[in-house]
Amino acid sequence: LGIIFFAIFFREPPKIKTKEKK
């Protein structure tokens, strides 16, 4: 469960990505 998470994070805006994965 790594590629899927990465893909979703990549697809989503960087705002959520930075907020979740500071």
PDB file of N, CA and C in Angstrom:
ATOM      1  N   LEU A   1       0.852  -1.203   0.000  1.00  0.00           N
ATOM      2  CA  LEU A   1       0.000   0.000   0.000  1.00  0.00           C
ATOM      3  C   LEU A   1       0.889   1.254   0.000  1.00  0.00           C
ATOM      4  N   GLY A   2       1.724   1.363  -0.986  1.00  0.00           N
ATOM      5  CA  GLY A   2       2.613   2.536  -1.045  1.00  0.00           C
ATOM      6  C   GLY A   2       2.406   3.292  -2.340  1.00  0.00           C
ATOM      7  N   ILE A   3       2.370   2.524  -3.429  1.00  0.00           N
ATOM      8  CA  ILE A   3       2.223   3.172  -4.759  1.00  0.00           C
ATOM      9  C   ILE A   3       0.855   3.864  -4.842  1.00  0.00           C
ATOM     10  N   ILE A   4      -0.160   3.193  -4.335  1.00  0.00           N
ATOM     11  CA  ILE A   4      -1.519   3.765  -4.412  1.00  0.00           C
ATOM     12  C   ILE A   4      -1.555   5.072  -3.617  1.00  0.00           C
ATOM     13  N   PHE A   5      -1.018   5.021  -2.412  1.00  0.00           N
ATOM     14  CA  PHE A   5      -1.016   6.215  -1.565  1.00  0.00           C
ATOM     15  C   PHE A   5      -0.258   7.342  -2.255  1.00  0.00           C
ATOM     16  N   PHE A   6       0.891   6.989  -2.819  1.00  0.00           N
ATOM     17  CA  PHE A   6       1.720   7.990  -3.516  1.00  0.00           C
ATOM     18  C   PHE A   6       0.969   8.566  -4.702  1.00  0.00           C
ATOM     19  N   ALA A   7       0.315   7.683  -5.436  1.00  0.00           N
ATOM     20  CA  ALA A   7      -0.420   8.126  -6.639  1.00  0.00           C
ATOM     21  C   ALA A   7      -1.547   9.076  -6.233  1.00  0.00           C
ATOM     22  N   ILE A   8      -2.281   8.713  -5.202  1.00  0.00           N
ATOM     23  CA  ILE A   8      -3.395   9.561  -4.754  1.00  0.00           C
ATOM     24  C   ILE A   8      -2.847  10.905  -4.279  1.00  0.00           C
ATOM     25  N   PHE A   9      -1.779  10.850  -3.498  1.00  0.00           N
ATOM     26  CA  PHE A   9      -1.193  12.095  -2.992  1.00  0.00           C
ATOM     27  C   PHE A   9      -0.703  12.948  -4.147  1.00  0.00           C
ATOM     28  N   PHE A  10      -0.086  12.287  -5.132  1.00  0.00           N
ATOM     29  CA  PHE A  10       0.443  13.023  -6.289  1.00  0.00           C
ATOM     30  C   PHE A  10      -0.696  13.645  -7.083  1.00  0.00           C
ATOM     31  N   ARG A  11      -1.784  12.874  -7.223  1.00  0.00           N
ATOM     32  CA  ARG A  11      -2.944  13.361  -7.983  1.00  0.00           C
ATOM     33  C   ARG A  11      -3.609  14.523  -7.244  1.00  0.00           C
ATOM     34  N   GLU A  12      -3.650  14.431  -5.929  1.00  0.00           N
ATOM     35  CA  GLU A  12      -4.290  15.501  -5.146  1.00  0.00           C
ATOM     36  C   GLU A  12      -3.391  16.734  -5.119  1.00  0.00           C
ATOM     37  N   PRO A  13      -3.942  17.868  -4.734  1.00  0.00           N
ATOM     38  CA  PRO A  13      -3.169  19.112  -4.669  1.00  0.00           C
ATOM     39  C   PRO A  13      -2.041  19.026  -3.638  1.00  0.00           C
ATOM     40  N   PRO A  14      -1.004  19.819  -3.803  1.00  0.00           N
ATOM     41  CA  PRO A  14       0.134  19.798  -2.870  1.00  0.00           C
ATOM     42  C   PRO A  14      -0.252  20.330  -1.496  1.00  0.00           C
ATOM     43  N   LYS A  15      -1.346  21.057  -1.447  1.00  0.00           N
ATOM     44  CA  LYS A  15      -1.780  21.612  -0.148  1.00  0.00           C
ATOM     45  C   LYS A  15      -1.992  20.484   0.859  1.00  0.00           C
ATOM     46  N   ILE A  16      -2.798  19.498   0.472  1.00  0.00           N
ATOM     47  CA  ILE A  16      -3.094  18.378   1.386  1.00  0.00           C
ATOM     48  C   ILE A  16      -1.811  17.565   1.604  1.00  0.00           C
ATOM     49  N   LYS A  17      -1.046  17.399   0.531  1.00  0.00           N
ATOM     50  CA  LYS A  17       0.179  16.601   0.633  1.00  0.00           C
ATOM     51  C   LYS A  17       1.115  17.209   1.679  1.00  0.00           C
ATOM     52  N   THR A  18       1.295  18.507   1.606  1.00  0.00           N
ATOM     53  CA  THR A  18       2.209  19.155   2.547  1.00  0.00           C
ATOM     54  C   THR A  18       1.610  19.128   3.957  1.00  0.00           C
ATOM     55  N   LYS A  19       0.296  19.299   4.018  1.00  0.00           N
ATOM     56  CA  LYS A  19      -0.351  19.312   5.336  1.00  0.00           C
ATOM     57  C   LYS A  19      -0.231  17.932   5.998  1.00  0.00           C
ATOM     58  N   GLU A  20      -0.476  16.881   5.213  1.00  0.00           N
ATOM     59  CA  GLU A  20      -0.422  15.528   5.779  1.00  0.00           C
ATOM     60  C   GLU A  20       1.029  15.094   5.952  1.00  0.00           C
ATOM     61  N   LYS A  21       1.790  15.230   4.874  1.00  0.00           N
ATOM     62  CA  LYS A  21       3.198  14.798   4.917  1.00  0.00           C
ATOM     63  C   LYS A  21       4.077  16.033   5.056  1.00  0.00           C
ATOM     64  N   LYS A  22       3.966  16.696   6.199  1.00  0.00           N
ATOM     65  CA  LYS A  22       4.747  17.936   6.368  1.00  0.00           C
ATOM     66  C   LYS A  22       6.220  17.575   6.128  1.00  0.00           C
TER      67      LYS A  22
END
